[in-house]
Amino acid sequence: MTIRTKNGLYCIDSAQLCYVEMQAHHTIFHTTTGVYDAVGSLKKLEQQLEGQGFARCNSGYLVGLRYVRAVTEETVEVNGEPLRISRTRRKEFLRQLSDYLGRGG
């Protein structure tokens, strides 16, 4: 995928995308190679990555399921970072994670 930042365009392999967060109208891509601050919609990105092993754990994060290392009552650990799981998205997130792991994710 190609993202536009204030410094130019970057090509990111979705397999290297750990998670994406929305912060003050910025879309922040956390990858295995670095962090990129871009402009965009998390909803559009979620649609673009549908079927590629990504799930929302709350309204502000889109998680690459291959990078999930642990899940607690309130958080999911993604590439060493604890991210909050909202009560409203918890059941669906856990279902998607289970489906991903069941496919041999």
N, C-alpha and C. Protein backbone atom coordinates (compact mmCIF):
# COMPACT_ATOMS: atom_id res chain seq x y z
N MET A 1 0.84 -1.18 0.00
CA MET A 1 0.00 0.00 0.00
C MET A 1 0.88 1.24 0.00
N THR A 2 0.35 2.32 -0.51
CA THR A 2 1.07 3.58 -0.56
C THR A 2 0.38 4.56 0.39
N ILE A 3 1.17 5.21 1.23
CA ILE A 3 0.62 6.22 2.13
C ILE A 3 1.31 7.55 1.88
N ARG A 4 0.56 8.61 2.10
CA ARG A 4 1.07 9.96 1.90
C ARG A 4 1.32 10.60 3.26
N THR A 5 2.56 11.00 3.49
CA THR A 5 2.91 11.73 4.71
C THR A 5 3.33 13.14 4.32
N LYS A 6 3.62 13.96 5.31
CA LYS A 6 4.06 15.33 4.99
C LYS A 6 5.43 15.33 4.33
N ASN A 7 6.17 14.23 4.45
CA ASN A 7 7.50 14.12 3.85
C ASN A 7 7.50 13.43 2.49
N GLY A 8 6.34 12.96 2.04
CA GLY A 8 6.27 12.31 0.74
C GLY A 8 5.46 11.03 0.77
N LEU A 9 5.62 10.23 -0.26
CA LEU A 9 4.90 8.95 -0.38
C LEU A 9 5.78 7.80 0.08
N TYR A 10 5.16 6.83 0.76
CA TYR A 10 5.86 5.63 1.21
C TYR A 10 5.08 4.40 0.83
N CYS A 11 5.78 3.38 0.38
CA CYS A 11 5.17 2.09 0.10
C CYS A 11 5.38 1.20 1.31
N ILE A 12 4.29 0.65 1.82
CA ILE A 12 4.34 -0.22 3.00
C ILE A 12 3.73 -1.56 2.63
N ASP A 13 4.41 -2.63 2.95
CA ASP A 13 3.89 -3.98 2.78
C ASP A 13 2.92 -4.24 3.93
N SER A 14 1.68 -4.60 3.65
CA SER A 14 0.70 -4.82 4.72
C SER A 14 1.15 -5.91 5.68
N ALA A 15 2.02 -6.82 5.25
CA ALA A 15 2.53 -7.87 6.13
C ALA A 15 3.45 -7.29 7.21
N GLN A 16 3.95 -6.08 7.01
CA GLN A 16 4.82 -5.44 8.00
C GLN A 16 4.07 -4.45 8.88
N LEU A 17 2.77 -4.36 8.69
CA LEU A 17 1.94 -3.40 9.43
C LEU A 17 1.48 -4.03 10.74
N CYS A 18 2.03 -3.54 11.86
CA CYS A 18 1.68 -4.07 13.19
C CYS A 18 0.32 -3.56 13.64
N TYR A 19 0.15 -2.23 13.60
CA TYR A 19 -1.15 -1.64 13.91
C TYR A 19 -1.19 -0.21 13.40
N VAL A 20 -2.40 0.31 13.30
CA VAL A 20 -2.63 1.68 12.86
C VAL A 20 -3.46 2.35 13.94
N GLU A 21 -3.12 3.58 14.27
CA GLU A 21 -3.91 4.31 15.26
C GLU A 21 -4.34 5.66 14.71
N MET A 22 -5.49 6.10 15.15
CA MET A 22 -5.97 7.45 14.84
C MET A 22 -5.65 8.32 16.03
N GLN A 23 -5.06 9.49 15.76
CA GLN A 23 -4.69 10.40 16.83
C GLN A 23 -4.80 11.82 16.30
N ALA A 24 -5.76 12.58 16.80
CA ALA A 24 -5.96 13.98 16.40
C ALA A 24 -6.01 14.13 14.88
N HIS A 25 -6.84 13.34 14.23
CA HIS A 25 -7.05 13.38 12.78
C HIS A 25 -5.83 12.93 11.97
N HIS A 26 -4.89 12.27 12.61
CA HIS A 26 -3.73 11.70 11.93
C HIS A 26 -3.85 10.18 11.98
N THR A 27 -3.46 9.53 10.91
CA THR A 27 -3.40 8.09 10.86
C THR A 27 -1.94 7.70 11.03
N ILE A 28 -1.63 7.00 12.11
CA ILE A 28 -0.24 6.66 12.42
C ILE A 28 -0.04 5.16 12.19
N PHE A 29 0.84 4.87 11.24
CA PHE A 29 1.13 3.49 10.86
C PHE A 29 2.35 3.00 11.64
N HIS A 30 2.16 1.97 12.45
CA HIS A 30 3.26 1.35 13.21
C HIS A 30 3.65 0.08 12.47
N THR A 31 4.84 0.09 11.89
CA THR A 31 5.30 -1.06 11.09
C THR A 31 6.55 -1.66 11.72
N THR A 32 6.98 -2.77 11.16
CA THR A 32 8.21 -3.39 11.64
C THR A 32 9.44 -2.58 11.24
N THR A 33 9.28 -1.65 10.31
CA THR A 33 10.41 -0.85 9.85
C THR A 33 10.38 0.60 10.33
N GLY A 34 9.30 1.03 10.97
CA GLY A 34 9.22 2.40 11.45
C GLY A 34 7.79 2.86 11.66
N VAL A 35 7.65 4.13 12.02
CA VAL A 35 6.34 4.74 12.27
C VAL A 35 6.14 5.85 11.26
N TYR A 36 4.95 5.88 10.64
CA TYR A 36 4.64 6.86 9.61
C TYR A 36 3.36 7.59 9.97
N ASP A 37 3.40 8.91 9.92
CA ASP A 37 2.28 9.76 10.25
C ASP A 37 1.66 10.24 8.94
N ALA A 38 0.41 9.88 8.72
CA ALA A 38 -0.26 10.21 7.46
C ALA A 38 -1.65 10.79 7.75
N VAL A 39 -2.31 11.16 6.69
CA VAL A 39 -3.68 11.64 6.78
C VAL A 39 -4.55 10.58 6.12
N GLY A 40 -5.69 10.30 6.73
CA GLY A 40 -6.59 9.32 6.14
C GLY A 40 -7.62 8.83 7.13
N SER A 41 -8.46 7.96 6.67
CA SER A 41 -9.55 7.43 7.46
C SER A 41 -9.24 5.99 7.87
N LEU A 42 -9.44 5.71 9.15
CA LEU A 42 -9.24 4.34 9.63
C LEU A 42 -10.29 3.40 9.03
N LYS A 43 -11.49 3.92 8.83
CA LYS A 43 -12.55 3.10 8.23
C LYS A 43 -12.20 2.70 6.79
N LYS A 44 -11.68 3.65 6.01
CA LYS A 44 -11.28 3.33 4.64
C LYS A 44 -10.14 2.32 4.62
N LEU A 45 -9.19 2.50 5.52
CA LEU A 45 -8.07 1.58 5.62
C LEU A 45 -8.54 0.19 6.02
N GLU A 46 -9.48 0.13 6.95
CA GLU A 46 -10.04 -1.15 7.37
C GLU A 46 -10.69 -1.87 6.19
N GLN A 47 -11.39 -1.14 5.35
CA GLN A 47 -12.01 -1.72 4.16
C GLN A 47 -10.95 -2.19 3.17
N GLN A 48 -9.90 -1.40 3.01
CA GLN A 48 -8.81 -1.74 2.10
C GLN A 48 -8.09 -3.01 2.53
N LEU A 49 -7.96 -3.23 3.84
CA LEU A 49 -7.23 -4.38 4.37
C LEU A 49 -8.13 -5.57 4.72
N GLU A 50 -9.40 -5.47 4.38
CA GLU A 50 -10.34 -6.55 4.70
C GLU A 50 -9.86 -7.89 4.14
N GLY A 51 -9.93 -8.91 4.98
CA GLY A 51 -9.52 -10.25 4.57
C GLY A 51 -8.03 -10.50 4.65
N GLN A 52 -7.26 -9.52 5.16
CA GLN A 52 -5.81 -9.65 5.24
C GLN A 52 -5.30 -9.81 6.67
N GLY A 53 -6.20 -10.13 7.62
CA GLY A 53 -5.77 -10.38 8.99
C GLY A 53 -5.65 -9.14 9.86
N PHE A 54 -6.61 -8.21 9.72
CA PHE A 54 -6.64 -7.01 10.55
C PHE A 54 -7.99 -6.90 11.23
N ALA A 55 -8.01 -6.36 12.46
CA ALA A 55 -9.26 -6.21 13.20
C ALA A 55 -9.18 -4.97 14.09
N ARG A 56 -10.34 -4.37 14.35
CA ARG A 56 -10.40 -3.21 15.24
C ARG A 56 -10.57 -3.70 16.67
N CYS A 57 -9.72 -3.20 17.58
CA CYS A 57 -9.87 -3.54 18.99
C CYS A 57 -10.59 -2.41 19.74
N ASN A 58 -10.64 -1.24 19.15
CA ASN A 58 -11.45 -0.12 19.63
C ASN A 58 -11.57 0.88 18.49
N SER A 59 -12.21 2.00 18.74
CA SER A 59 -12.47 2.94 17.63
C SER A 59 -11.20 3.59 17.10
N GLY A 60 -10.11 3.54 17.85
CA GLY A 60 -8.90 4.23 17.42
C GLY A 60 -7.76 3.36 16.93
N TYR A 61 -7.93 2.02 16.93
CA TYR A 61 -6.85 1.13 16.54
C TYR A 61 -7.32 0.05 15.56
N LEU A 62 -6.50 -0.21 14.57
CA LEU A 62 -6.67 -1.34 13.66
C LEU A 62 -5.42 -2.20 13.83
N VAL A 63 -5.60 -3.45 14.22
CA VAL A 63 -4.51 -4.32 14.66
C VAL A 63 -4.20 -5.39 13.61
N GLY A 64 -2.91 -5.56 13.32
CA GLY A 64 -2.45 -6.68 12.50
C GLY A 64 -2.43 -7.92 13.38
N LEU A 65 -3.32 -8.86 13.14
CA LEU A 65 -3.49 -10.01 14.03
C LEU A 65 -2.24 -10.87 14.13
N ARG A 66 -1.39 -10.87 13.12
CA ARG A 66 -0.16 -11.67 13.16
C ARG A 66 0.81 -11.16 14.23
N TYR A 67 0.62 -9.91 14.69
CA TYR A 67 1.52 -9.33 15.68
C TYR A 67 0.95 -9.34 17.10
N VAL A 68 -0.22 -9.96 17.30
CA VAL A 68 -0.81 -10.08 18.64
C VAL A 68 -0.01 -11.11 19.43
N ARG A 69 0.47 -10.69 20.60
CA ARG A 69 1.27 -11.59 21.46
C ARG A 69 0.52 -12.01 22.71
N ALA A 70 -0.44 -11.21 23.17
CA ALA A 70 -1.20 -11.54 24.38
C ALA A 70 -2.49 -10.74 24.40
N VAL A 71 -3.49 -11.30 25.08
CA VAL A 71 -4.75 -10.60 25.28
C VAL A 71 -5.12 -10.72 26.75
N THR A 72 -5.43 -9.59 27.38
CA THR A 72 -5.91 -9.60 28.76
C THR A 72 -7.35 -9.12 28.74
N GLU A 73 -7.91 -8.92 29.91
CA GLU A 73 -9.29 -8.46 30.01
C GLU A 73 -9.52 -7.13 29.28
N GLU A 74 -8.54 -6.22 29.36
CA GLU A 74 -8.74 -4.89 28.81
C GLU A 74 -7.76 -4.50 27.71
N THR A 75 -6.73 -5.31 27.44
CA THR A 75 -5.73 -4.91 26.45
C THR A 75 -5.35 -6.06 25.53
N VAL A 76 -4.78 -5.67 24.41
CA VAL A 76 -4.16 -6.62 23.50
C VAL A 76 -2.72 -6.13 23.31
N GLU A 77 -1.78 -7.04 23.43
CA GLU A 77 -0.38 -6.67 23.24
C GLU A 77 -0.01 -6.91 21.78
N VAL A 78 0.38 -5.85 21.10
CA VAL A 78 0.72 -5.90 19.69
C VAL A 78 2.14 -5.41 19.52
N ASN A 79 3.02 -6.31 19.13
CA ASN A 79 4.42 -5.96 18.91
C ASN A 79 5.02 -5.22 20.11
N GLY A 80 4.68 -5.68 21.32
CA GLY A 80 5.20 -5.09 22.55
C GLY A 80 4.43 -3.93 23.11
N GLU A 81 3.40 -3.45 22.41
CA GLU A 81 2.61 -2.30 22.86
C GLU A 81 1.23 -2.76 23.36
N PRO A 82 0.84 -2.37 24.59
CA PRO A 82 -0.51 -2.69 25.05
C PRO A 82 -1.52 -1.70 24.47
N LEU A 83 -2.53 -2.22 23.80
CA LEU A 83 -3.59 -1.38 23.21
C LEU A 83 -4.89 -1.74 23.89
N ARG A 84 -5.69 -0.76 24.19
CA ARG A 84 -6.96 -0.97 24.89
C ARG A 84 -7.98 -1.65 23.98
N ILE A 85 -8.68 -2.63 24.55
CA ILE A 85 -9.81 -3.27 23.85
C ILE A 85 -11.08 -2.68 24.45
N SER A 86 -11.92 -2.11 23.61
CA SER A 86 -13.17 -1.54 24.12
C SER A 86 -14.18 -2.65 24.39
N ARG A 87 -15.06 -2.41 25.34
CA ARG A 87 -16.08 -3.41 25.67
C ARG A 87 -16.97 -3.71 24.47
N THR A 88 -17.28 -2.68 23.69
CA THR A 88 -18.19 -2.88 22.56
C THR A 88 -17.55 -3.66 21.41
N ARG A 89 -16.25 -3.63 21.29
CA ARG A 89 -15.57 -4.34 20.19
C ARG A 89 -14.90 -5.64 20.63
N ARG A 90 -14.86 -5.90 21.93
CA ARG A 90 -14.13 -7.05 22.47
C ARG A 90 -14.57 -8.38 21.86
N LYS A 91 -15.86 -8.64 21.86
CA LYS A 91 -16.37 -9.93 21.38
C LYS A 91 -16.01 -10.15 19.91
N GLU A 92 -16.23 -9.15 19.07
CA GLU A 92 -15.93 -9.26 17.65
C GLU A 92 -14.43 -9.37 17.41
N PHE A 93 -13.63 -8.60 18.16
CA PHE A 93 -12.17 -8.68 18.02
C PHE A 93 -11.68 -10.09 18.36
N LEU A 94 -12.15 -10.64 19.46
CA LEU A 94 -11.72 -11.98 19.86
C LEU A 94 -12.18 -13.04 18.86
N ARG A 95 -13.36 -12.85 18.27
CA ARG A 95 -13.83 -13.77 17.24
C ARG A 95 -12.91 -13.72 16.02
N GLN A 96 -12.57 -12.51 15.59
CA GLN A 96 -11.69 -12.37 14.43
C GLN A 96 -10.29 -12.93 14.71
N LEU A 97 -9.79 -12.71 15.91
CA LEU A 97 -8.48 -13.25 16.29
C LEU A 97 -8.53 -14.78 16.30
N SER A 98 -9.58 -15.34 16.86
CA SER A 98 -9.74 -16.78 16.88
C SER A 98 -9.84 -17.37 15.49
N ASP A 99 -10.61 -16.74 14.60
CA ASP A 99 -10.71 -17.17 13.21
C ASP A 99 -9.34 -17.12 12.54
N TYR A 100 -8.59 -16.05 12.77
CA TYR A 100 -7.27 -15.88 12.16
C TYR A 100 -6.34 -16.99 12.64
N LEU A 101 -6.30 -17.23 13.94
CA LEU A 101 -5.43 -18.26 14.49
C LEU A 101 -5.86 -19.64 14.05
N GLY A 102 -7.17 -19.84 13.88
CA GLY A 102 -7.69 -21.13 13.42
C GLY A 102 -7.30 -21.44 11.97
N ARG A 103 -7.04 -20.39 11.19
CA ARG A 103 -6.60 -20.57 9.79
C ARG A 103 -5.11 -20.83 9.72
N GLY A 104 -4.45 -20.84 10.87
CA GLY A 104 -3.01 -21.05 10.88
C GLY A 104 -2.24 -19.77 10.80
N GLY A 105 -2.94 -18.61 11.05
CA GLY A 105 -2.40 -17.27 11.01
C GLY A 105 -1.01 -17.17 11.42
